[in-house]
Protein backbone atom coordinates (compact mmCIF):
# COMPACT_ATOMS: atom_id res chain seq x y z
CA MET A 1 -0.03 0.35 0.13
CA GLU A 2 2.76 2.95 1.19
CA VAL A 3 4.95 1.63 -2.24
CA ARG A 4 1.96 2.57 -4.82
CA PHE A 5 0.87 5.75 -2.56
CA LEU A 6 4.49 6.79 -3.11
CA GLU A 7 4.17 5.94 -6.37
CA GLU A 8 1.13 8.11 -7.20
CA ARG A 9 3.57 11.16 -5.83
CA LYS A 10 5.92 10.65 -9.11
CA GLY A 11 8.59 11.02 -6.78
CA LYS A 12 8.04 13.60 -3.88
CA MET A 13 8.01 12.86 -0.35
CA THR A 14 7.53 14.61 2.91
CA VAL A 15 10.11 15.58 5.18
CA GLU A 16 9.18 12.90 7.50
CA GLU A 17 8.93 10.17 4.96
CA ALA A 18 12.61 11.35 4.11
CA GLY A 19 13.77 11.36 6.89
CA ARG A 20 12.53 7.34 7.82
CA ARG A 21 13.49 6.45 5.15
CA GLY A 22 17.33 7.58 5.42
CA GLY A 23 17.29 6.59 8.73
CA LEU A 24 16.36 2.88 7.51
CA LYS A 25 19.06 3.04 5.05
CA THR A 26 21.76 4.24 7.48
CA ALA A 27 21.12 1.64 10.35
CA GLU A 28 20.44 -1.19 7.51
CA THR A 29 24.23 0.24 6.21
CA HIS A 30 26.01 0.65 9.59
CA GLY A 31 24.25 -1.37 12.36
CA GLU A 32 22.88 -0.93 15.90
CA GLU A 33 26.02 -0.44 16.74
CA PHE A 34 27.04 2.67 14.93
CA TYR A 35 23.93 3.90 16.59
CA SER A 36 25.41 2.99 20.33
CA GLU A 37 28.32 4.19 19.54
CA ILE A 38 26.57 8.20 17.93
CA GLY A 39 24.32 8.46 21.74
CA ARG A 40 27.13 8.09 23.94
CA LYS A 41 29.64 10.84 21.50
CA GLY A 42 26.86 12.77 22.03
CA GLY A 43 26.80 12.35 25.40
CA ARG A 44 30.24 13.14 26.04
CA ILE A 45 30.34 16.54 23.26
CA GLY A 46 27.09 17.67 24.61
CA GLY A 47 26.73 16.68 28.11
CA PRO A 48 26.80 18.33 31.10
CA LYS A 49 28.33 21.30 29.65
CA GLY A 50 25.85 21.75 27.26
CA GLY A 51 23.47 22.49 29.68
CA GLN A 52 25.71 25.18 31.82
CA ARG A 53 25.45 27.30 28.77
CA VAL A 54 21.81 27.29 29.00
CA ARG A 55 21.87 27.50 32.93
CA GLU A 56 23.99 30.58 32.00
CA LEU A 57 22.52 31.89 29.32
CA ILE A 58 19.31 32.11 31.36
CA GLU A 59 20.49 33.65 34.35
CA GLU A 60 21.96 36.15 32.01
CA GLY A 61 18.44 37.56 30.17
CA LYS A 62 17.22 37.65 34.11
CA LYS A 63 19.33 39.60 35.50
CA ARG A 64 18.65 41.83 32.27
CA GLU A 65 14.79 41.85 33.05
CA THR A 66 15.94 43.23 36.09
CA GLU A 67 18.09 46.06 35.18
């Protein structure tokens, strides 16, 4: 059913469809370990530092509101 739907649309797809197809293709070519590794890397890179920066920006904004 989905294949026929895509054929009727003649090459056009939504962002959602493109993301799903890209994710399926990535999973097919790289496997489950790939997702585990990029998840670990993302946690290390963004980790606490990312949250701290957001906290600092919020505090800075609050100070400016009171001035």
